[in-house]
Each structure stands twice: as structure tokens, then as C-alpha cells.
Amino acid sequence: MTRKELFFHLLENELSKHGFKYFKSKNKFLKKNNGDEYIIDYEVWPNFIQVEANFKIVIKKIEDIKKKGLE
């Protein structure tokens, strides 16, 4: 197992306890709750020299308001 594979395997073990699903092709974890989305994605540099984490929260009510504003 490579360092990258081990890293994501350990993260998946921990984050799955909290309802996150791992998407290997995108190095991303996603959790949906009442229409809201919680996203943790990772940019992995070649040879696993550096890993950058990005966190996003998409709140359904806010997205609905934005859509109404575009109508």
C-alpha cells in the first residue's frame, strides 16, 4: 500500500463513522444531511510531497434563495 493509499484508507475509516462517503477518483469525502452537503476534498501533489485540504458546506436553503434570485 502506498502512502497515499494508506492516508485515504485511514481517513475513510475515521470519516465513515461520521457519515462521510469516500470518492476515490476525486480524493473527496461527501456527507449529505437534510439536503445540505459537507465536502472535504484533497489535492495531492506528486509523490505525496504535499496534501491540501479544502472544506465546503453547501446549505440547501441558501442555494434555493440563490436560484429564486436568478429567475
PDB file of N, CA and C in Angstrom:
ATOM      1  N   MET A   1       0.851  -1.182   0.000  1.00  0.00           N
ATOM      2  CA  MET A   1       0.000   0.000   0.000  1.00  0.00           C
ATOM      3  C   MET A   1       0.894   1.242   0.000  1.00  0.00           C
ATOM      4  N   THR A   2       0.598   2.185  -0.890  1.00  0.00           N
ATOM      5  CA  THR A   2       1.380   3.416  -0.958  1.00  0.00           C
ATOM      6  C   THR A   2       0.992   4.348   0.186  1.00  0.00           C
ATOM      7  N   ARG A   3       1.788   5.395   0.388  1.00  0.00           N
ATOM      8  CA  ARG A   3       1.470   6.371   1.442  1.00  0.00           C
ATOM      9  C   ARG A   3       0.123   7.033   1.170  1.00  0.00           C
ATOM     10  N   LYS A   4      -0.115   7.356  -0.091  1.00  0.00           N
ATOM     11  CA  LYS A   4      -1.382   7.983  -0.464  1.00  0.00           C
ATOM     12  C   LYS A   4      -2.555   7.045  -0.162  1.00  0.00           C
ATOM     13  N   GLU A   5      -2.431   5.791  -0.539  1.00  0.00           N
ATOM     14  CA  GLU A   5      -3.496   4.824  -0.284  1.00  0.00           C
ATOM     15  C   GLU A   5      -3.723   4.647   1.214  1.00  0.00           C
ATOM     16  N   LEU A   6      -2.651   4.577   1.973  1.00  0.00           N
ATOM     17  CA  LEU A   6      -2.767   4.443   3.417  1.00  0.00           C
ATOM     18  C   LEU A   6      -3.448   5.665   4.031  1.00  0.00           C
ATOM     19  N   PHE A   7      -3.050   6.853   3.593  1.00  0.00           N
ATOM     20  CA  PHE A   7      -3.628   8.099   4.078  1.00  0.00           C
ATOM     21  C   PHE A   7      -5.147   8.098   3.882  1.00  0.00           C
ATOM     22  N   PHE A   8      -5.594   7.809   2.658  1.00  0.00           N
ATOM     23  CA  PHE A   8      -7.030   7.834   2.388  1.00  0.00           C
ATOM     24  C   PHE A   8      -7.763   6.667   3.044  1.00  0.00           C
ATOM     25  N   HIS A   9      -7.116   5.551   3.186  1.00  0.00           N
ATOM     26  CA  HIS A   9      -7.725   4.417   3.885  1.00  0.00           C
ATOM     27  C   HIS A   9      -7.988   4.778   5.352  1.00  0.00           C
ATOM     28  N   LEU A  10      -7.009   5.376   6.008  1.00  0.00           N
ATOM     29  CA  LEU A  10      -7.179   5.777   7.408  1.00  0.00           C
ATOM     30  C   LEU A  10      -8.241   6.862   7.550  1.00  0.00           C
ATOM     31  N   LEU A  11      -8.240   7.832   6.617  1.00  0.00           N
ATOM     32  CA  LEU A  11      -9.276   8.870   6.653  1.00  0.00           C
ATOM     33  C   LEU A  11     -10.659   8.276   6.449  1.00  0.00           C
ATOM     34  N   GLU A  12     -10.758   7.364   5.494  1.00  0.00           N
ATOM     35  CA  GLU A  12     -12.054   6.742   5.229  1.00  0.00           C
ATOM     36  C   GLU A  12     -12.561   5.991   6.460  1.00  0.00           C
ATOM     37  N   ASN A  13     -11.680   5.267   7.130  1.00  0.00           N
ATOM     38  CA  ASN A  13     -12.083   4.555   8.346  1.00  0.00           C
ATOM     39  C   ASN A  13     -12.652   5.508   9.391  1.00  0.00           C
ATOM     40  N   GLU A  14     -12.029   6.657   9.550  1.00  0.00           N
ATOM     41  CA  GLU A  14     -12.471   7.617  10.566  1.00  0.00           C
ATOM     42  C   GLU A  14     -13.711   8.395  10.124  1.00  0.00           C
ATOM     43  N   LEU A  15     -13.678   8.933   8.902  1.00  0.00           N
ATOM     44  CA  LEU A  15     -14.778   9.789   8.457  1.00  0.00           C
ATOM     45  C   LEU A  15     -16.061   9.011   8.176  1.00  0.00           C
ATOM     46  N   SER A  16     -15.947   7.740   7.812  1.00  0.00           N
ATOM     47  CA  SER A  16     -17.159   6.938   7.573  1.00  0.00           C
ATOM     48  C   SER A  16     -17.970   6.778   8.858  1.00  0.00           C
ATOM     49  N   LYS A  17     -17.323   6.855   9.995  1.00  0.00           N
ATOM     50  CA  LYS A  17     -18.026   6.795  11.290  1.00  0.00           C
ATOM     51  C   LYS A  17     -18.965   7.984  11.466  1.00  0.00           C
ATOM     52  N   HIS A  18     -18.697   9.053  10.727  1.00  0.00           N
ATOM     53  CA  HIS A  18     -19.475  10.286  10.838  1.00  0.00           C
ATOM     54  C   HIS A  18     -20.361  10.510   9.621  1.00  0.00           C
ATOM     55  N   GLY A  19     -20.536   9.465   8.810  1.00  0.00           N
ATOM     56  CA  GLY A  19     -21.463   9.532   7.686  1.00  0.00           C
ATOM     57  C   GLY A  19     -20.877   9.992   6.362  1.00  0.00           C
ATOM     58  N   PHE A  20     -19.566  10.148   6.277  1.00  0.00           N
ATOM     59  CA  PHE A  20     -18.947  10.578   5.026  1.00  0.00           C
ATOM     60  C   PHE A  20     -18.710   9.386   4.113  1.00  0.00           C
ATOM     61  N   LYS A  21     -18.897   9.605   2.813  1.00  0.00           N
ATOM     62  CA  LYS A  21     -18.611   8.589   1.805  1.00  0.00           C
ATOM     63  C   LYS A  21     -17.395   9.043   1.010  1.00  0.00           C
ATOM     64  N   TYR A  22     -16.504   8.111   0.719  1.00  0.00           N
ATOM     65  CA  TYR A  22     -15.249   8.413   0.012  1.00  0.00           C
ATOM     66  C   TYR A  22     -15.421   8.196  -1.481  1.00  0.00           C
ATOM     67  N   PHE A  23     -14.945   9.177  -2.280  1.00  0.00           N
ATOM     68  CA  PHE A  23     -14.919   9.086  -3.737  1.00  0.00           C
ATOM     69  C   PHE A  23     -13.459   9.109  -4.167  1.00  0.00           C
ATOM     70  N   LYS A  24     -12.935   7.916  -4.415  1.00  0.00           N
ATOM     71  CA  LYS A  24     -11.509   7.750  -4.693  1.00  0.00           C
ATOM     72  C   LYS A  24     -11.058   8.541  -5.918  1.00  0.00           C
ATOM     73  N   SER A  25     -11.849   8.534  -6.979  1.00  0.00           N
ATOM     74  CA  SER A  25     -11.438   9.192  -8.223  1.00  0.00           C
ATOM     75  C   SER A  25     -11.264  10.697  -8.049  1.00  0.00           C
ATOM     76  N   LYS A  26     -11.900  11.266  -7.032  1.00  0.00           N
ATOM     77  CA  LYS A  26     -11.819  12.712  -6.809  1.00  0.00           C
ATOM     78  C   LYS A  26     -11.108  13.075  -5.516  1.00  0.00           C
ATOM     79  N   ASN A  27     -10.585  12.080  -4.780  1.00  0.00           N
ATOM     80  CA  ASN A  27      -9.962  12.321  -3.471  1.00  0.00           C
ATOM     81  C   ASN A  27     -10.882  13.187  -2.608  1.00  0.00           C
ATOM     82  N   LYS A  28     -12.148  12.752  -2.519  1.00  0.00           N
ATOM     83  CA  LYS A  28     -13.163  13.585  -1.880  1.00  0.00           C
ATOM     84  C   LYS A  28     -14.027  12.748  -0.939  1.00  0.00           C
ATOM     85  N   PHE A  29     -14.433  13.383   0.158  1.00  0.00           N
ATOM     86  CA  PHE A  29     -15.390  12.799   1.088  1.00  0.00           C
ATOM     87  C   PHE A  29     -16.635  13.676   1.075  1.00  0.00           C
ATOM     88  N   LEU A  30     -17.806  13.048   1.082  1.00  0.00           N
ATOM     89  CA  LEU A  30     -19.062  13.775   0.998  1.00  0.00           C
ATOM     90  C   LEU A  30     -20.049  13.213   2.011  1.00  0.00           C
ATOM     91  N   LYS A  31     -20.740  14.137   2.667  1.00  0.00           N
ATOM     92  CA  LYS A  31     -21.812  13.753   3.595  1.00  0.00           C
ATOM     93  C   LYS A  31     -23.014  14.629   3.277  1.00  0.00           C
ATOM     94  N   LYS A  32     -24.182  14.011   3.148  1.00  0.00           N
ATOM     95  CA  LYS A  32     -25.418  14.748   2.913  1.00  0.00           C
ATOM     96  C   LYS A  32     -26.306  14.607   4.139  1.00  0.00           C
ATOM     97  N   ASN A  33     -26.924  15.731   4.512  1.00  0.00           N
ATOM     98  CA  ASN A  33     -27.790  15.746   5.685  1.00  0.00           C
ATOM     99  C   ASN A  33     -28.886  16.780   5.467  1.00  0.00           C
ATOM    100  N   ASN A  34     -30.133  16.324   5.357  1.00  0.00           N
ATOM    101  CA  ASN A  34     -31.281  17.215   5.155  1.00  0.00           C
ATOM    102  C   ASN A  34     -31.097  18.148   3.962  1.00  0.00           C
ATOM    103  N   GLY A  35     -30.508  17.646   2.880  1.00  0.00           N
ATOM    104  CA  GLY A  35     -30.298  18.451   1.682  1.00  0.00           C
ATOM    105  C   GLY A  35     -29.012  19.256   1.688  1.00  0.00           C
ATOM    106  N   ASP A  36     -28.389  19.413   2.840  1.00  0.00           N
ATOM    107  CA  ASP A  36     -27.106  20.118   2.923  1.00  0.00           C
ATOM    108  C   ASP A  36     -25.981  19.141   2.591  1.00  0.00           C
ATOM    109  N   GLU A  37     -24.876  19.671   2.068  1.00  0.00           N
ATOM    110  CA  GLU A  37     -23.728  18.827   1.724  1.00  0.00           C
ATOM    111  C   GLU A  37     -22.488  19.334   2.439  1.00  0.00           C
ATOM    112  N   TYR A  38     -21.739  18.384   2.975  1.00  0.00           N
ATOM    113  CA  TYR A  38     -20.471  18.675   3.630  1.00  0.00           C
ATOM    114  C   TYR A  38     -19.394  17.958   2.823  1.00  0.00           C
ATOM    115  N   ILE A  39     -18.444  18.719   2.308  1.00  0.00           N
ATOM    116  CA  ILE A  39     -17.461  18.184   1.378  1.00  0.00           C
ATOM    117  C   ILE A  39     -16.049  18.458   1.896  1.00  0.00           C
ATOM    118  N   ILE A  40     -15.241  17.423   1.900  1.00  0.00           N
ATOM    119  CA  ILE A  40     -13.815  17.557   2.209  1.00  0.00           C
ATOM    120  C   ILE A  40     -13.085  16.970   1.016  1.00  0.00           C
ATOM    121  N   ASP A  41     -12.347  17.811   0.297  1.00  0.00           N
ATOM    122  CA  ASP A  41     -11.574  17.255  -0.808  1.00  0.00           C
ATOM    123  C   ASP A  41     -10.107  17.607  -0.648  1.00  0.00           C
ATOM    124  N   TYR A  42      -9.290  16.809  -1.280  1.00  0.00           N
ATOM    125  CA  TYR A  42      -7.841  16.893  -1.104  1.00  0.00           C
ATOM    126  C   TYR A  42      -7.147  17.008  -2.451  1.00  0.00           C
ATOM    127  N   GLU A  43      -6.198  17.916  -2.519  1.00  0.00           N
ATOM    128  CA  GLU A  43      -5.306  17.999  -3.666  1.00  0.00           C
ATOM    129  C   GLU A  43      -3.990  17.366  -3.230  1.00  0.00           C
ATOM    130  N   VAL A  44      -3.602  16.317  -3.943  1.00  0.00           N
ATOM    131  CA  VAL A  44      -2.396  15.569  -3.580  1.00  0.00           C
ATOM    132  C   VAL A  44      -1.316  15.865  -4.618  1.00  0.00           C
ATOM    133  N   TRP A  45      -0.193  16.347  -4.157  1.00  0.00           N
ATOM    134  CA  TRP A  45       0.925  16.666  -5.043  1.00  0.00           C
ATOM    135  C   TRP A  45       1.662  15.381  -5.424  1.00  0.00           C
ATOM    136  N   PRO A  46       2.373  15.409  -6.552  1.00  0.00           N
ATOM    137  CA  PRO A  46       3.115  14.222  -6.987  1.00  0.00           C
ATOM    138  C   PRO A  46       4.027  13.688  -5.867  1.00  0.00           C
ATOM    139  N   ASN A  47       4.146  12.391  -5.839  1.00  0.00           N
ATOM    140  CA  ASN A  47       4.968  11.681  -4.852  1.00  0.00           C
ATOM    141  C   ASN A  47       4.522  11.942  -3.414  1.00  0.00           C
ATOM    142  N   PHE A  48       3.289  12.426  -3.251  1.00  0.00           N
ATOM    143  CA  PHE A  48       2.695  12.657  -1.932  1.00  0.00           C
ATOM    144  C   PHE A  48       3.544  13.610  -1.090  1.00  0.00           C
ATOM    145  N   ILE A  49       4.169  14.588  -1.763  1.00  0.00           N
ATOM    146  CA  ILE A  49       5.004  15.578  -1.079  1.00  0.00           C
ATOM    147  C   ILE A  49       4.150  16.507  -0.215  1.00  0.00           C
ATOM    148  N   GLN A  50       2.970  16.833  -0.730  1.00  0.00           N
ATOM    149  CA  GLN A  50       2.103  17.768  -0.020  1.00  0.00           C
ATOM    150  C   GLN A  50       0.654  17.388  -0.273  1.00  0.00           C
ATOM    151  N   VAL A  51      -0.182  17.614   0.736  1.00  0.00           N
ATOM    152  CA  VAL A  51      -1.617  17.373   0.628  1.00  0.00           C
ATOM    153  C   VAL A  51      -2.328  18.634   1.095  1.00  0.00           C
ATOM    154  N   GLU A  52      -3.223  19.148   0.262  1.00  0.00           N
ATOM    155  CA  GLU A  52      -4.002  20.335   0.628  1.00  0.00           C
ATOM    156  C   GLU A  52      -5.453  19.934   0.804  1.00  0.00           C
ATOM    157  N   ALA A  53      -6.052  20.324   1.915  1.00  0.00           N
ATOM    158  CA  ALA A  53      -7.454  20.012   2.194  1.00  0.00           C
ATOM    159  C   ALA A  53      -8.313  21.246   1.927  1.00  0.00           C
ATOM    160  N   ASN A  54      -9.476  21.006   1.345  1.00  0.00           N
ATOM    161  CA  ASN A  54     -10.474  22.051   1.119  1.00  0.00           C
ATOM    162  C   ASN A  54     -11.777  21.588   1.748  1.00  0.00           C
ATOM    163  N   PHE A  55     -12.453  22.503   2.429  1.00  0.00           N
ATOM    164  CA  PHE A  55     -13.705  22.190   3.094  1.00  0.00           C
ATOM    165  C   PHE A  55     -14.802  23.066   2.509  1.00  0.00           C
ATOM    166  N   LYS A  56     -15.945  22.452   2.209  1.00  0.00           N
ATOM    167  CA  LYS A  56     -17.078  23.198   1.656  1.00  0.00           C
ATOM    168  C   LYS A  56     -18.350  22.742   2.353  1.00  0.00           C
ATOM    169  N   ILE A  57     -19.244  23.688   2.552  1.00  0.00           N
ATOM    170  CA  ILE A  57     -20.570  23.374   3.060  1.00  0.00           C
ATOM    171  C   ILE A  57     -21.563  24.020   2.103  1.00  0.00           C
ATOM    172  N   VAL A  58     -22.445  23.211   1.554  1.00  0.00           N
ATOM    173  CA  VAL A  58     -23.484  23.708   0.663  1.00  0.00           C
ATOM    174  C   VAL A  58     -24.801  23.593   1.432  1.00  0.00           C
ATOM    175  N   ILE A  59     -25.404  24.743   1.738  1.00  0.00           N
ATOM    176  CA  ILE A  59     -26.639  24.775   2.527  1.00  0.00           C
ATOM    177  C   ILE A  59     -27.816  24.920   1.569  1.00  0.00           C
ATOM    178  N   LYS A  60     -28.698  23.932   1.596  1.00  0.00           N
ATOM    179  CA  LYS A  60     -29.793  23.860   0.638  1.00  0.00           C
ATOM    180  C   LYS A  60     -30.664  25.120   0.653  1.00  0.00           C
ATOM    181  N   LYS A  61     -31.006  25.636   1.814  1.00  0.00           N
ATOM    182  CA  LYS A  61     -31.874  26.818   1.875  1.00  0.00           C
ATOM    183  C   LYS A  61     -31.227  28.014   1.182  1.00  0.00           C
ATOM    184  N   ILE A  62     -29.938  28.171   1.345  1.00  0.00           N
ATOM    185  CA  ILE A  62     -29.237  29.282   0.690  1.00  0.00           C
ATOM    186  C   ILE A  62     -29.208  29.063  -0.817  1.00  0.00           C
ATOM    187  N   GLU A  63     -28.971  27.827  -1.248  1.00  0.00           N
ATOM    188  CA  GLU A  63     -28.975  27.517  -2.675  1.00  0.00           C
ATOM    189  C   GLU A  63     -30.345  27.785  -3.284  1.00  0.00           C
ATOM    190  N   ASP A  64     -31.415  27.472  -2.548  1.00  0.00           N
ATOM    191  CA  ASP A  64     -32.782  27.745  -3.032  1.00  0.00           C
ATOM    192  C   ASP A  64     -33.016  29.243  -3.195  1.00  0.00           C
ATOM    193  N   ILE A  65     -32.518  30.051  -2.247  1.00  0.00           N
ATOM    194  CA  ILE A  65     -32.667  31.507  -2.338  1.00  0.00           C
ATOM    195  C   ILE A  65     -31.893  32.039  -3.541  1.00  0.00           C
ATOM    196  N   LYS A  66     -30.689  31.528  -3.749  1.00  0.00           N
ATOM    197  CA  LYS A  66     -29.897  31.953  -4.917  1.00  0.00           C
ATOM    198  C   LYS A  66     -30.612  31.630  -6.219  1.00  0.00           C
ATOM    199  N   LYS A  67     -31.239  30.459  -6.305  1.00  0.00           N
ATOM    200  CA  LYS A  67     -31.968  30.073  -7.526  1.00  0.00           C
ATOM    201  C   LYS A  67     -33.137  31.001  -7.770  1.00  0.00           C
ATOM    202  N   LYS A  68     -33.864  31.373  -6.705  1.00  0.00           N
ATOM    203  CA  LYS A  68     -35.002  32.290  -6.853  1.00  0.00           C
ATOM    204  C   LYS A  68     -34.527  33.653  -7.359  1.00  0.00           C
ATOM    205  N   GLY A  69     -33.364  34.075  -6.921  1.00  0.00           N
ATOM    206  CA  GLY A  69     -32.824  35.363  -7.356  1.00  0.00           C
ATOM    207  C   GLY A  69     -32.438  35.375  -8.824  1.00  0.00           C
ATOM    208  N   LEU A  70     -32.212  34.219  -9.408  1.00  0.00           N
ATOM    209  CA  LEU A  70     -31.828  34.138 -10.813  1.00  0.00           C
ATOM    210  C   LEU A  70     -33.026  34.015 -11.747  1.00  0.00           C
ATOM    211  N   GLU A  71     -34.208  33.839 -11.172  1.00  0.00           N
ATOM    212  CA  GLU A  71     -35.418  33.683 -12.007  1.00  0.00           C
ATOM    213  C   GLU A  71     -35.911  34.981 -12.538  1.00  0.00           C
TER     214      GLU A  71
END
